[in-house]
N, C-alpha and C. Protein backbone atom coordinates (compact mmCIF):
# COMPACT_ATOMS: atom_id res chain seq x y z
N MET A 1 0.87 -1.21 0.10
CA MET A 1 -0.06 -0.19 -0.03
C MET A 1 0.73 1.31 -0.23
N ASP A 2 0.40 2.28 -0.64
CA ASP A 2 1.07 3.34 -0.79
C ASP A 2 1.16 4.19 0.22
N LEU A 3 2.31 4.87 1.20
CA LEU A 3 2.06 5.66 2.51
C LEU A 3 1.37 6.53 2.43
N LEU A 4 1.21 7.35 1.41
CA LEU A 4 0.44 8.21 1.67
C LEU A 4 -1.18 7.92 1.83
N GLU A 5 -1.38 6.86 1.30
CA GLU A 5 -2.66 6.25 0.88
C GLU A 5 -3.00 5.85 2.58
N ALA A 6 -1.73 5.16 3.23
CA ALA A 6 -2.18 4.60 4.38
C ALA A 6 -2.54 6.01 5.30
N MET A 7 -1.40 6.93 5.25
CA MET A 7 -1.71 7.88 6.46
C MET A 7 -3.07 8.40 6.36
N ARG A 8 -3.63 8.38 5.06
CA ARG A 8 -5.01 9.13 4.66
C ARG A 8 -6.26 8.29 5.14
N THR A 9 -6.03 7.00 5.31
CA THR A 9 -6.83 5.86 5.29
C THR A 9 -6.93 5.27 6.73
N THR A 10 -5.88 5.44 7.55
CA THR A 10 -6.18 4.83 8.79
C THR A 10 -6.72 5.32 9.66
N PHE A 11 -8.09 4.85 10.26
CA PHE A 11 -8.89 5.60 11.17
C PHE A 11 -9.03 5.02 12.39
N SER A 12 -9.74 5.45 13.12
CA SER A 12 -9.88 5.19 14.50
C SER A 12 -11.06 4.06 14.56
N CYS A 13 -10.97 2.80 14.70
CA CYS A 13 -11.42 1.76 14.69
C CYS A 13 -12.10 1.25 16.00
N ARG A 14 -13.43 1.19 16.26
CA ARG A 14 -14.20 0.72 17.42
C ARG A 14 -14.62 -0.26 17.44
N GLU A 15 -15.35 -1.02 16.47
CA GLU A 15 -16.05 -1.81 16.25
C GLU A 15 -15.12 -3.10 14.90
N PHE A 16 -15.25 -4.25 15.71
CA PHE A 16 -14.61 -5.34 15.21
C PHE A 16 -15.43 -6.56 14.80
N THR A 17 -14.62 -7.17 13.99
CA THR A 17 -15.64 -8.54 13.58
C THR A 17 -15.07 -9.65 14.44
N ASP A 18 -15.53 -10.79 14.46
CA ASP A 18 -14.85 -11.56 15.10
C ASP A 18 -13.73 -12.53 14.69
N ASP A 19 -13.18 -12.23 13.82
CA ASP A 19 -12.25 -12.71 13.03
C ASP A 19 -11.00 -12.59 13.73
N PRO A 20 -10.37 -13.63 13.63
CA PRO A 20 -9.05 -13.81 14.45
C PRO A 20 -7.85 -12.86 14.29
N VAL A 21 -6.76 -12.32 14.77
CA VAL A 21 -5.47 -11.49 14.80
C VAL A 21 -4.58 -12.56 15.06
N THR A 22 -3.85 -13.02 14.18
CA THR A 22 -2.53 -14.32 14.00
C THR A 22 -1.42 -13.91 14.60
N ASP A 23 -0.33 -14.83 15.19
CA ASP A 23 0.34 -14.07 15.22
C ASP A 23 1.48 -13.33 14.78
N ASP A 24 1.17 -14.46 13.38
CA ASP A 24 2.00 -13.96 12.44
C ASP A 24 1.84 -12.16 11.75
N GLN A 25 0.80 -12.25 11.65
CA GLN A 25 -0.03 -10.75 11.56
C GLN A 25 0.84 -10.06 12.53
N LEU A 26 0.67 -10.03 13.85
CA LEU A 26 0.94 -9.35 14.71
C LEU A 26 2.84 -9.08 14.77
N HIS A 27 3.30 -10.17 14.56
CA HIS A 27 4.84 -10.11 14.52
C HIS A 27 5.48 -9.55 13.14
N ARG A 28 4.68 -9.15 12.40
CA ARG A 28 4.72 -8.59 10.91
C ARG A 28 4.76 -6.80 11.39
N ILE A 29 3.32 -6.39 12.02
CA ILE A 29 3.45 -5.75 12.25
C ILE A 29 4.22 -4.83 13.33
N LEU A 30 4.47 -5.76 14.05
CA LEU A 30 5.29 -4.87 15.23
C LEU A 30 6.60 -5.18 14.74
N ASP A 31 7.33 -5.81 13.55
CA ASP A 31 8.75 -5.99 13.27
C ASP A 31 8.80 -4.65 12.38
N ALA A 32 7.95 -4.11 11.65
CA ALA A 32 7.47 -2.92 10.93
C ALA A 32 7.78 -1.52 11.83
N ALA A 33 6.75 -1.83 13.12
CA ALA A 33 6.72 -0.65 14.14
C ALA A 33 7.95 -0.30 14.62
N ARG A 34 8.74 -1.41 15.09
CA ARG A 34 10.16 -1.30 15.72
C ARG A 34 10.70 0.11 15.02
N PHE A 35 10.76 0.20 14.19
CA PHE A 35 11.54 1.23 13.44
C PHE A 35 11.26 2.57 13.63
N ALA A 36 10.08 2.70 14.45
CA ALA A 36 9.89 4.18 15.15
C ALA A 36 10.96 4.85 15.87
N PRO A 37 11.12 6.28 15.41
CA PRO A 37 12.32 6.57 16.59
C PRO A 37 11.68 6.99 17.67
N SER A 38 12.87 7.19 18.71
CA SER A 38 12.81 7.29 20.00
C SER A 38 14.01 8.38 20.22
N GLY A 39 13.93 8.97 21.56
CA GLY A 39 14.70 10.20 22.14
C GLY A 39 16.15 9.21 22.12
N GLY A 40 17.31 9.68 21.48
CA GLY A 40 18.75 8.68 21.71
C GLY A 40 18.28 7.41 21.27
N ASN A 41 17.58 7.13 20.31
CA ASN A 41 17.46 6.05 19.90
C ASN A 41 17.57 4.72 21.41
N ARG A 42 16.91 5.14 22.19
CA ARG A 42 16.93 4.37 23.63
C ARG A 42 15.87 3.26 23.19
N GLN A 43 14.76 3.23 22.85
CA GLN A 43 14.10 2.33 22.37
C GLN A 43 12.94 1.89 23.58
N GLY A 44 12.80 2.82 24.68
CA GLY A 44 12.15 2.27 25.89
C GLY A 44 10.52 1.80 25.70
N GLY A 45 10.21 1.69 24.95
CA GLY A 45 8.93 1.00 24.69
C GLY A 45 9.09 -0.25 25.05
N HIS A 46 7.82 -0.96 25.41
CA HIS A 46 7.55 -2.34 25.68
C HIS A 46 5.89 -2.15 24.81
N VAL A 47 5.47 -3.73 24.57
CA VAL A 47 4.16 -4.17 24.24
C VAL A 47 3.78 -5.16 24.45
N VAL A 48 2.42 -5.19 25.52
CA VAL A 48 1.87 -6.53 26.12
C VAL A 48 1.06 -6.82 25.14
N VAL A 49 0.78 -7.93 24.60
CA VAL A 49 -0.14 -8.34 23.69
C VAL A 49 -1.10 -9.20 24.65
N VAL A 50 -2.26 -9.03 24.60
CA VAL A 50 -3.04 -9.20 25.37
C VAL A 50 -4.19 -10.35 25.14
N ARG A 51 -3.94 -11.69 25.21
CA ARG A 51 -4.61 -12.54 24.25
C ARG A 51 -5.95 -13.06 25.22
N ASP A 52 -5.99 -13.25 26.59
CA ASP A 52 -6.73 -13.62 27.56
C ASP A 52 -7.85 -12.98 27.47
N ARG A 53 -8.84 -13.55 27.41
CA ARG A 53 -10.07 -12.66 27.23
C ARG A 53 -10.80 -11.89 28.52
N ASP A 54 -10.27 -12.72 29.46
CA ASP A 54 -10.83 -11.75 30.92
C ASP A 54 -9.47 -11.05 31.01
N THR A 55 -8.64 -10.99 31.22
CA THR A 55 -8.06 -10.00 30.97
C THR A 55 -8.19 -8.51 30.17
N ARG A 56 -8.57 -8.96 28.92
CA ARG A 56 -9.04 -7.73 27.98
C ARG A 56 -10.08 -7.20 28.59
N GLN A 57 -11.20 -8.10 29.52
CA GLN A 57 -12.44 -7.58 30.09
C GLN A 57 -11.97 -6.77 31.29
N ALA A 58 -11.04 -7.12 31.77
CA ALA A 58 -10.75 -6.70 33.11
C ALA A 58 -10.26 -5.13 32.65
N LEU A 59 -9.11 -5.38 31.83
CA LEU A 59 -8.76 -3.84 31.10
C LEU A 59 -10.28 -2.99 31.04
N GLY A 60 -10.82 -3.44 30.43
CA GLY A 60 -12.01 -2.52 29.78
C GLY A 60 -12.55 -1.96 31.28
N GLU A 61 -12.80 -2.92 32.10
CA GLU A 61 -13.80 -2.37 33.39
C GLU A 61 -13.01 -1.44 34.12
N MET A 62 -11.64 -1.57 33.65
CA MET A 62 -10.65 -0.63 34.61
C MET A 62 -10.95 0.96 33.78
N CYS A 63 -11.71 0.87 32.84
CA CYS A 63 -11.34 2.22 32.08
C CYS A 63 -12.73 2.63 32.50
N GLY A 64 -13.62 2.20 33.06
CA GLY A 64 -15.03 2.35 33.84
C GLY A 64 -15.14 3.99 34.25
N PRO A 65 -14.70 4.07 35.24
CA PRO A 65 -14.24 5.30 36.22
C PRO A 65 -14.19 6.46 35.11
N THR A 66 -12.94 6.46 34.49
CA THR A 66 -12.57 7.60 33.47
C THR A 66 -13.40 8.00 32.32
N LEU A 67 -14.08 6.75 31.86
CA LEU A 67 -14.93 7.21 30.72
C LEU A 67 -16.23 8.02 31.52
N ARG A 68 -16.63 7.32 32.52
CA ARG A 68 -17.93 8.13 33.41
C ARG A 68 -17.27 9.68 34.05
N LEU A 69 -16.46 9.69 33.98
CA LEU A 69 -16.11 11.17 34.72
C LEU A 69 -15.80 11.73 33.03
N TYR A 70 -15.54 11.54 31.90
CA TYR A 70 -15.18 11.93 30.82
C TYR A 70 -16.53 12.25 30.06
N ALA A 71 -17.18 11.38 30.17
CA ALA A 71 -18.80 11.60 29.76
C ALA A 71 -19.66 12.96 30.82
N ALA A 72 -19.33 13.00 31.92
CA ALA A 72 -20.07 13.93 32.83
C ALA A 72 -19.32 15.30 32.45
N GLN A 73 -18.00 15.01 32.20
CA GLN A 73 -17.20 16.65 32.14
C GLN A 73 -17.76 17.11 30.56
N ALA A 74 -18.10 15.94 29.69
CA ALA A 74 -18.18 16.55 28.55
C ALA A 74 -19.81 17.05 28.51
N ALA A 75 -20.73 16.31 29.46
CA ALA A 75 -22.03 16.82 29.25
C ALA A 75 -22.05 18.22 30.23
N ALA A 76 -21.00 18.39 30.94
CA ALA A 76 -21.16 19.92 31.48
C ALA A 76 -20.46 20.86 30.57
N GLY A 77 -20.07 20.78 29.29
CA GLY A 77 -19.80 21.82 28.63
C GLY A 77 -18.31 21.93 28.54
N GLU A 78 -17.55 20.91 29.57
CA GLU A 78 -15.82 20.85 29.84
C GLU A 78 -15.06 20.37 28.71
N THR A 79 -13.93 20.59 28.52
CA THR A 79 -13.14 19.89 27.98
C THR A 79 -12.56 18.92 29.03
N PRO A 80 -13.08 17.45 28.66
CA PRO A 80 -12.57 16.67 29.67
C PRO A 80 -10.98 16.15 30.05
N PHE A 81 -11.28 16.49 31.17
CA PHE A 81 -9.68 16.12 31.89
C PHE A 81 -8.57 17.03 31.44
N SER A 82 -8.97 18.21 30.88
CA SER A 82 -8.18 19.76 30.53
C SER A 82 -7.08 19.82 31.99
N SER A 83 -6.03 20.23 31.31
CA SER A 83 -4.92 20.05 32.31
C SER A 83 -4.89 21.88 32.25
N VAL A 84 -5.67 22.66 31.72
CA VAL A 84 -5.65 24.00 31.60
C VAL A 84 -6.96 24.63 32.57
N HIS A 85 -8.14 24.06 32.59
CA HIS A 85 -9.26 24.48 33.15
C HIS A 85 -9.71 23.45 34.11
N PRO A 86 -9.85 23.64 35.53
CA PRO A 86 -9.97 23.07 36.50
C PRO A 86 -11.70 22.67 36.26
N SER A 87 -11.90 21.23 36.63
CA SER A 87 -13.45 20.58 36.34
C SER A 87 -14.39 21.02 37.71
N ALA A 88 -15.30 21.55 36.98
CA ALA A 88 -16.47 21.71 38.42
C ALA A 88 -17.42 20.46 38.35
N VAL A 89 -17.32 19.41 37.86
CA VAL A 89 -17.70 18.48 38.07
C VAL A 89 -17.66 17.28 39.06
N ASP A 90 -18.53 17.16 39.70
CA ASP A 90 -18.16 16.16 41.28
C ASP A 90 -17.80 14.40 40.60
N VAL A 91 -16.68 14.22 41.19
CA VAL A 91 -16.14 13.07 40.73
C VAL A 91 -16.80 12.18 41.19
N GLU A 92 -16.96 11.98 42.40
CA GLU A 92 -17.80 10.96 42.78
C GLU A 92 -19.04 10.55 42.54
N GLU A 93 -19.93 11.28 42.34
CA GLU A 93 -20.98 11.76 41.77
C GLU A 93 -21.10 11.07 40.21
N ALA A 94 -20.16 11.34 39.63
CA ALA A 94 -19.77 11.08 38.23
C ALA A 94 -19.23 9.49 38.28
N PHE A 95 -18.31 8.67 38.74
CA PHE A 95 -18.00 7.61 39.01
C PHE A 95 -19.47 6.90 39.22
N ALA A 96 -20.43 7.22 39.95
CA ALA A 96 -21.35 6.78 40.26
C ALA A 96 -22.63 6.65 39.44
N THR A 97 -22.11 7.37 38.52
CA THR A 97 -23.19 7.48 37.42
C THR A 97 -23.39 6.50 36.20
N PRO A 98 -24.33 5.67 35.77
CA PRO A 98 -23.76 4.57 34.72
C PRO A 98 -24.06 5.75 33.03
N VAL A 99 -22.95 5.12 32.21
CA VAL A 99 -23.50 5.78 31.24
C VAL A 99 -23.00 4.68 30.38
N ASP A 100 -23.96 4.42 29.07
CA ASP A 100 -23.95 3.70 27.65
C ASP A 100 -23.41 3.83 26.79
N LEU A 101 -22.14 4.69 26.64
CA LEU A 101 -21.76 5.84 25.55
C LEU A 101 -20.25 4.88 25.01
N PHE A 102 -19.99 3.96 25.68
CA PHE A 102 -18.70 3.24 25.65
C PHE A 102 -18.48 1.80 25.30
N PRO A 103 -19.20 1.36 24.43
CA PRO A 103 -19.41 -0.16 24.03
C PRO A 103 -18.40 -0.84 23.98
N LEU A 104 -17.26 -0.30 22.97
CA LEU A 104 -15.97 -0.92 22.99
C LEU A 104 -15.64 -1.71 24.46
N PHE A 105 -15.24 -0.41 25.26
CA PHE A 105 -14.55 -1.00 26.52
C PHE A 105 -15.71 -1.75 27.26
N ASP A 106 -16.99 -1.91 27.51
CA ASP A 106 -18.13 -2.67 27.86
C ASP A 106 -17.74 -3.97 27.60
N HIS A 107 -17.23 -4.13 26.34
CA HIS A 107 -17.25 -5.74 25.77
C HIS A 107 -15.66 -5.73 25.12
N LEU A 108 -14.66 -5.26 26.19
CA LEU A 108 -13.61 -5.25 25.64
C LEU A 108 -13.28 -6.83 25.42
N GLY A 109 -13.27 -7.59 26.15
CA GLY A 109 -12.96 -9.11 25.93
C GLY A 109 -13.15 -9.65 24.55
N ASP A 110 -13.98 -9.13 24.25
CA ASP A 110 -14.89 -9.74 22.61
C ASP A 110 -14.11 -9.19 21.42
N VAL A 111 -12.82 -8.38 21.74
CA VAL A 111 -12.16 -7.94 20.71
C VAL A 111 -10.94 -8.72 20.69
N PRO A 112 -10.83 -9.07 19.53
CA PRO A 112 -9.72 -10.08 18.99
C PRO A 112 -8.19 -10.44 19.68
N VAL A 113 -7.99 -8.49 19.95
CA VAL A 113 -6.48 -8.76 20.97
C VAL A 113 -6.24 -7.30 21.15
N VAL A 114 -5.87 -7.30 22.15
CA VAL A 114 -5.51 -5.82 22.92
C VAL A 114 -3.86 -5.59 22.97
N LEU A 115 -3.51 -4.23 22.86
CA LEU A 115 -1.81 -4.09 22.65
C LEU A 115 -2.12 -3.05 24.23
N VAL A 116 -1.20 -3.34 24.90
CA VAL A 116 -0.70 -2.51 26.10
C VAL A 116 0.63 -2.07 25.82
N VAL A 117 0.74 -0.81 25.34
CA VAL A 117 1.95 0.10 25.04
C VAL A 117 2.47 0.90 26.49
N SER A 118 3.55 0.33 26.91
CA SER A 118 4.18 1.25 27.75
C SER A 118 5.45 1.68 27.62
N VAL A 119 6.13 2.76 28.40
CA VAL A 119 7.64 3.22 28.17
C VAL A 119 8.08 2.84 29.27
N ASP A 120 9.11 2.83 29.34
CA ASP A 120 10.24 2.75 30.43
C ASP A 120 10.55 4.46 30.79
N LEU A 121 9.97 5.07 31.85
CA LEU A 121 10.74 6.20 32.29
C LEU A 121 11.92 6.35 32.56
N ALA A 122 12.68 5.50 33.09
CA ALA A 122 14.17 5.20 33.15
C ALA A 122 14.92 5.31 31.82
N GLU A 123 14.24 5.10 30.73
CA GLU A 123 15.13 4.96 29.46
C GLU A 123 15.16 6.20 28.72
N VAL A 124 13.92 7.34 29.05
CA VAL A 124 13.81 8.25 28.31
C VAL A 124 13.78 9.50 28.95
N ALA A 125 14.50 10.90 27.73
CA ALA A 125 14.61 11.73 28.30
C ALA A 125 13.27 12.91 28.27
N SER A 126 13.15 13.07 29.38
CA SER A 126 11.76 14.00 29.05
C SER A 126 12.06 15.53 29.57
N MET A 127 12.69 16.25 28.52
CA MET A 127 12.57 17.68 28.69
C MET A 127 11.95 18.80 29.27
N ASP A 128 10.92 18.23 29.24
CA ASP A 128 10.04 19.10 30.14
C ASP A 128 9.62 18.87 31.85
N VAL A 129 10.76 17.98 31.97
CA VAL A 129 10.44 17.48 33.23
C VAL A 129 10.47 18.76 34.57
N ASP A 130 10.93 19.68 33.93
CA ASP A 130 10.98 20.93 35.17
C ASP A 130 9.80 21.79 35.05
N LEU A 131 9.36 21.78 33.94
CA LEU A 131 8.32 22.77 33.50
C LEU A 131 7.07 22.62 34.20
N ASP A 132 6.16 24.11 34.55
CA ASP A 132 5.05 23.92 35.64
C ASP A 132 3.85 23.59 34.56
N ARG A 133 3.74 22.58 33.99
CA ARG A 133 2.46 22.17 33.27
C ARG A 133 2.62 20.30 33.22
N VAL A 134 1.76 19.95 32.68
CA VAL A 134 1.77 18.72 31.94
C VAL A 134 2.56 18.12 30.96
N GLY A 135 3.41 17.02 31.50
CA GLY A 135 4.19 16.70 30.65
C GLY A 135 4.22 16.06 29.18
N LEU A 136 4.94 16.52 28.16
CA LEU A 136 4.42 16.05 27.04
C LEU A 136 5.70 15.18 26.19
N VAL A 137 6.84 15.70 26.40
CA VAL A 137 7.77 15.38 25.62
C VAL A 137 8.36 13.77 25.58
N THR A 138 7.98 13.18 26.92
CA THR A 138 8.21 11.38 26.96
C THR A 138 7.33 10.73 25.83
N GLY A 139 6.40 11.56 25.43
CA GLY A 139 5.34 10.87 24.44
C GLY A 139 6.07 10.79 23.16
N ALA A 140 7.15 11.66 22.97
CA ALA A 140 7.63 11.37 21.43
C ALA A 140 8.59 10.47 21.32
N SER A 141 8.72 9.48 22.72
CA SER A 141 9.52 8.34 22.15
C SER A 141 8.93 7.02 22.33
N ILE A 142 7.40 7.40 22.49
CA ILE A 142 6.98 6.11 22.44
C ILE A 142 5.27 6.25 21.51
N TYR A 143 4.93 7.24 21.19
CA TYR A 143 3.69 7.41 20.20
C TYR A 143 4.34 7.13 18.82
N PRO A 144 5.43 7.45 18.47
CA PRO A 144 5.97 7.07 17.07
C PRO A 144 6.05 5.72 16.79
N LEU A 145 6.18 4.58 17.96
CA LEU A 145 6.10 3.68 17.63
C LEU A 145 4.05 3.06 17.88
N VAL A 146 3.60 3.41 18.45
CA VAL A 146 1.94 3.20 18.35
C VAL A 146 1.80 3.78 17.14
N TRP A 147 1.92 4.92 16.41
CA TRP A 147 1.17 4.95 15.00
C TRP A 147 1.97 4.26 14.19
N ASN A 148 3.25 3.89 14.40
CA ASN A 148 3.88 2.95 13.33
C ASN A 148 2.87 1.79 13.61
N LEU A 149 2.48 1.25 14.18
CA LEU A 149 1.66 -0.14 15.02
C LEU A 149 0.56 0.07 13.94
N LEU A 150 -0.12 1.44 13.88
CA LEU A 150 -1.58 1.39 13.35
C LEU A 150 -1.04 1.21 11.61
N LEU A 151 -0.46 2.45 11.46
CA LEU A 151 -0.09 2.05 10.08
C LEU A 151 0.11 0.76 9.18
N ALA A 152 1.13 -0.21 10.35
CA ALA A 152 1.27 -1.36 9.59
C ALA A 152 0.00 -2.58 9.99
N ALA A 153 -0.78 -2.00 11.03
CA ALA A 153 -1.88 -2.62 11.14
C ALA A 153 -2.66 -3.06 9.55
N ARG A 154 -2.68 -1.33 9.13
CA ARG A 154 -3.46 -1.17 7.72
C ARG A 154 -3.02 -1.82 6.72
N SER A 155 -1.85 -2.16 6.73
CA SER A 155 -1.29 -2.90 5.57
C SER A 155 -1.74 -4.54 5.71
N GLU A 156 -1.90 -4.99 6.73
CA GLU A 156 -2.40 -6.01 6.99
C GLU A 156 -3.97 -6.11 6.88
N GLY A 157 -4.56 -5.44 6.59
CA GLY A 157 -6.00 -5.35 6.63
C GLY A 157 -6.69 -5.02 8.00
N LEU A 158 -6.00 -4.67 9.14
CA LEU A 158 -6.74 -4.73 10.30
C LEU A 158 -6.75 -3.02 10.42
N ALA A 159 -7.41 -2.97 11.80
CA ALA A 159 -7.79 -1.66 12.26
C ALA A 159 -7.61 -1.58 13.99
N GLY A 160 -7.24 -0.14 14.36
CA GLY A 160 -7.37 -0.40 15.66
C GLY A 160 -7.12 1.36 15.99
N VAL A 161 -7.37 1.36 17.61
CA VAL A 161 -7.73 2.64 17.90
C VAL A 161 -6.77 3.02 18.88
N VAL A 162 -6.16 4.30 19.01
CA VAL A 162 -5.55 4.32 20.24
C VAL A 162 -6.00 4.92 21.55
N THR A 163 -6.21 4.55 22.55
CA THR A 163 -6.95 4.55 24.06
C THR A 163 -6.15 5.06 24.87
N THR A 164 -6.59 5.91 25.87
CA THR A 164 -5.75 5.91 26.96
C THR A 164 -6.62 6.05 28.18
N ALA A 165 -7.68 5.70 28.26
CA ALA A 165 -8.71 5.48 29.59
C ALA A 165 -8.17 4.76 30.61
N VAL A 166 -7.46 4.01 30.49
CA VAL A 166 -6.92 3.03 31.11
C VAL A 166 -5.88 3.84 32.02
N VAL A 167 -5.06 5.10 31.86
CA VAL A 167 -4.13 5.14 32.23
C VAL A 167 -4.38 5.64 33.78
N PRO A 168 -5.42 6.14 33.91
CA PRO A 168 -5.55 6.49 35.30
C PRO A 168 -5.53 5.39 36.57
N ALA A 169 -5.83 4.22 35.89
CA ALA A 169 -5.88 3.29 36.70
C ALA A 169 -4.45 2.48 36.56
N GLU A 170 -3.54 3.04 36.45
CA GLU A 170 -2.03 2.77 35.80
C GLU A 170 -1.38 1.49 37.01
N ASP A 171 -1.93 1.66 38.29
CA ASP A 171 -1.72 0.73 39.56
C ASP A 171 -2.04 -0.35 39.15
N GLY A 172 -3.22 -0.50 39.17
CA GLY A 172 -4.25 -1.79 38.79
C GLY A 172 -3.89 -2.40 37.52
N VAL A 173 -3.49 -1.75 36.17
CA VAL A 173 -2.74 -2.66 35.21
C VAL A 173 -1.45 -3.01 35.34
N ARG A 174 -0.50 -2.23 36.36
CA ARG A 174 0.52 -2.78 36.46
C ARG A 174 0.48 -3.92 37.34
N ALA A 175 -0.53 -4.05 38.28
CA ALA A 175 -0.42 -5.48 38.83
C ALA A 175 -0.98 -6.26 38.18
N LEU A 176 -1.91 -6.27 37.01
CA LEU A 176 -2.72 -7.22 36.25
C LEU A 176 -1.77 -7.59 35.02
N LEU A 177 -1.07 -6.97 34.63
CA LEU A 177 -0.04 -7.22 33.73
C LEU A 177 1.39 -7.51 34.03
N GLY A 178 1.78 -7.37 35.39
CA GLY A 178 2.95 -7.26 36.07
C GLY A 178 4.10 -6.51 35.36
N LEU A 179 3.92 -5.30 35.46
CA LEU A 179 4.81 -3.97 34.72
C LEU A 179 5.64 -3.28 35.79
N PRO A 180 6.73 -3.42 35.36
CA PRO A 180 7.78 -2.74 36.20
C PRO A 180 7.35 -1.43 36.72
N GLU A 181 8.08 -1.05 37.86
CA GLU A 181 7.74 0.27 38.29
C GLU A 181 7.99 1.35 37.47
N THR A 182 8.82 1.11 36.85
CA THR A 182 9.12 2.14 35.81
C THR A 182 8.41 2.53 34.89
N HIS A 183 7.71 1.90 34.41
CA HIS A 183 6.56 1.76 33.05
C HIS A 183 5.71 2.62 32.95
N ALA A 184 5.24 3.37 32.64
CA ALA A 184 4.15 4.16 32.44
C ALA A 184 3.31 3.43 31.33
N ILE A 185 2.04 3.64 31.37
CA ILE A 185 0.95 3.20 30.18
C ILE A 185 1.12 4.27 29.38
N ALA A 186 1.20 4.19 27.68
CA ALA A 186 1.31 5.00 27.12
C ALA A 186 0.06 4.92 26.23
N ALA A 187 -0.72 3.75 25.90
CA ALA A 187 -1.73 3.32 25.15
C ALA A 187 -2.28 1.95 25.37
N LEU A 188 -3.54 1.73 25.16
CA LEU A 188 -4.34 0.59 24.96
C LEU A 188 -4.91 0.61 23.68
N VAL A 189 -4.32 -0.32 22.66
CA VAL A 189 -4.97 -0.37 21.22
C VAL A 189 -5.53 -1.73 20.96
N PRO A 190 -6.93 -1.57 21.33
CA PRO A 190 -7.67 -2.52 20.62
C PRO A 190 -7.38 -3.00 19.00
N LEU A 191 -7.67 -4.20 18.55
CA LEU A 191 -6.89 -4.46 17.46
C LEU A 191 -7.85 -5.45 16.45
N GLY A 192 -7.76 -5.38 15.40
CA GLY A 192 -8.84 -6.46 14.50
C GLY A 192 -9.40 -6.47 13.42
N VAL A 193 -10.26 -7.06 12.71
CA VAL A 193 -10.75 -6.66 11.39
C VAL A 193 -11.72 -5.60 11.56
N PRO A 194 -11.82 -4.84 10.87
CA PRO A 194 -12.80 -3.54 11.09
C PRO A 194 -14.19 -4.00 10.70
N VAL A 195 -15.27 -3.77 11.59
CA VAL A 195 -16.80 -4.12 10.72
C VAL A 195 -17.03 -3.23 9.37
N ARG A 196 -16.49 -2.00 9.65
CA ARG A 196 -16.40 -1.10 8.03
C ARG A 196 -15.20 -0.51 8.24
N ARG A 197 -14.84 0.12 7.17
CA ARG A 197 -13.87 0.59 7.02
C ARG A 197 -13.97 2.05 6.18
N LEU A 198 -13.39 3.14 6.98
CA LEU A 198 -13.58 4.50 6.29
C LEU A 198 -12.61 4.85 5.61
N THR A 199 -12.74 5.31 4.70
CA THR A 199 -11.76 5.86 3.55
C THR A 199 -11.44 7.20 3.65
N LYS A 200 -12.53 7.94 3.91
CA LYS A 200 -12.66 9.70 3.72
C LYS A 200 -12.72 9.71 5.39
N LEU A 201 -11.66 10.34 5.93
CA LEU A 201 -11.41 10.74 7.14
C LEU A 201 -11.58 12.58 7.19
N THR A 202 -12.06 12.74 8.37
CA THR A 202 -12.36 14.49 8.35
C THR A 202 -11.71 14.99 9.31
N ARG A 203 -10.35 16.03 8.63
CA ARG A 203 -9.51 16.56 9.26
C ARG A 203 -9.58 18.08 8.88
N ARG A 204 -9.00 19.06 10.01
CA ARG A 204 -8.81 20.16 9.37
C ARG A 204 -7.75 20.48 8.35
N PRO A 205 -8.05 21.38 7.32
CA PRO A 205 -6.89 21.51 6.50
C PRO A 205 -5.90 22.03 6.80
N VAL A 206 -4.67 22.35 5.94
CA VAL A 206 -3.08 22.39 6.81
C VAL A 206 -3.57 24.09 7.11
N GLU A 207 -4.24 25.02 6.34
CA GLU A 207 -4.13 26.32 6.60
C GLU A 207 -4.75 26.64 8.12
N ASP A 208 -5.51 25.43 8.10
CA ASP A 208 -6.21 26.15 9.67
C ASP A 208 -5.61 26.01 11.17
N PHE A 209 -4.08 25.30 10.80
CA PHE A 209 -3.30 24.87 12.04
C PHE A 209 -2.02 24.98 11.89
N VAL A 210 -1.51 25.65 10.53
CA VAL A 210 0.01 25.86 10.26
C VAL A 210 0.20 27.37 9.61
N THR A 211 1.12 28.22 10.59
CA THR A 211 1.25 29.64 10.45
C THR A 211 3.22 29.34 10.14
N VAL A 212 3.27 31.10 9.24
CA VAL A 212 4.80 31.10 8.84
C VAL A 212 5.09 32.00 10.26
N ASP A 213 6.43 31.61 10.69
CA ASP A 213 7.36 32.42 11.43
C ASP A 213 6.60 32.61 12.93
N ARG A 214 5.24 32.92 13.25
CA ARG A 214 4.99 33.07 14.46
C ARG A 214 3.36 32.21 14.51
N PHE A 215 2.95 32.17 15.92
CA PHE A 215 1.85 31.27 15.80
C PHE A 215 0.57 32.37 15.12
N ASP A 216 0.66 33.65 15.40
CA ASP A 216 -0.39 34.44 14.55
C ASP A 216 0.22 34.89 13.16
N GLY A 217 1.15 34.26 12.70
CA GLY A 217 1.57 34.58 11.12
C GLY A 217 0.69 34.00 10.72
N GLU A 218 0.97 34.34 8.68
CA GLU A 218 0.13 33.94 7.77
C GLU A 218 -0.27 32.45 7.77
N PRO A 219 -1.40 31.81 7.34
CA PRO A 219 -1.21 30.53 6.85
C PRO A 219 -0.15 30.40 6.05
N LEU A 220 0.26 29.00 6.21
CA LEU A 220 0.82 28.25 5.28
C LEU A 220 0.03 27.84 3.73
N ARG A 221 0.53 28.45 2.71
CA ARG A 221 -0.63 28.16 1.42
C ARG A 221 0.53 27.47 0.22
N PRO A 222 -0.25 27.00 -0.18
CA PRO A 222 1.11 26.28 -1.53
C PRO A 222 1.51 27.48 -2.41
N GLY A 223 2.77 27.38 -2.58
CA GLY A 223 3.25 28.59 -3.72
C GLY A 223 3.38 29.86 -2.87
N SER A 224 3.39 29.86 -1.70
CA SER A 224 3.58 30.79 -0.43
C SER A 224 4.76 31.89 -0.40
N ASP A 225 5.68 30.63 -1.02
CA ASP A 225 6.91 31.06 -0.82
C ASP A 225 7.52 31.88 -2.02
N GLY A 226 6.55 32.40 -2.58
CA GLY A 226 6.79 33.19 -3.68
C GLY A 226 6.69 32.85 -5.44
């Protein structure tokens, strides 16, 4: 498959058929994904392939409180889990309020396979460690691997989605999967054969988010260099 076509058609899939994902497929996917860059080429990522149905279902259940709080904050007109604007939503009330918005996680055990991607914080450089804001830089050493994984899955006729709802339950996941103390969860990726394959994705045009020289500079347009 042409690289640009794969980039334009790799969508977030949340509905899967019952078709299995084989170890051969996963090995090919991860064998390609491993060429993702990481800071200092330290390659601190680790992938746990969750084959056990009960473990997958347990991971989905661990996402429940986070998803209920997400739904409550969104219903209140907030940006869920904003690191800039404090939430006015009552957390305990949100945790206790059932929502029927996230069938993927309610039935995660039914997904053919789930990948849990972690990064060893002892192995990566976090250049923003001393800044007074939420850390972002560490992700540069793991999310290229996650995206490569999804691109490679596309070439196998598979699809998945990057989810992070399990991250607040990291301690529980650590115990469930035996993750070392220095490993932080970057993503939970359900993977399988999509029920429907999207080929026309909706994204903002380049001119909406790219400017020249300054944040408030002119939008980048074709031929704008003269």
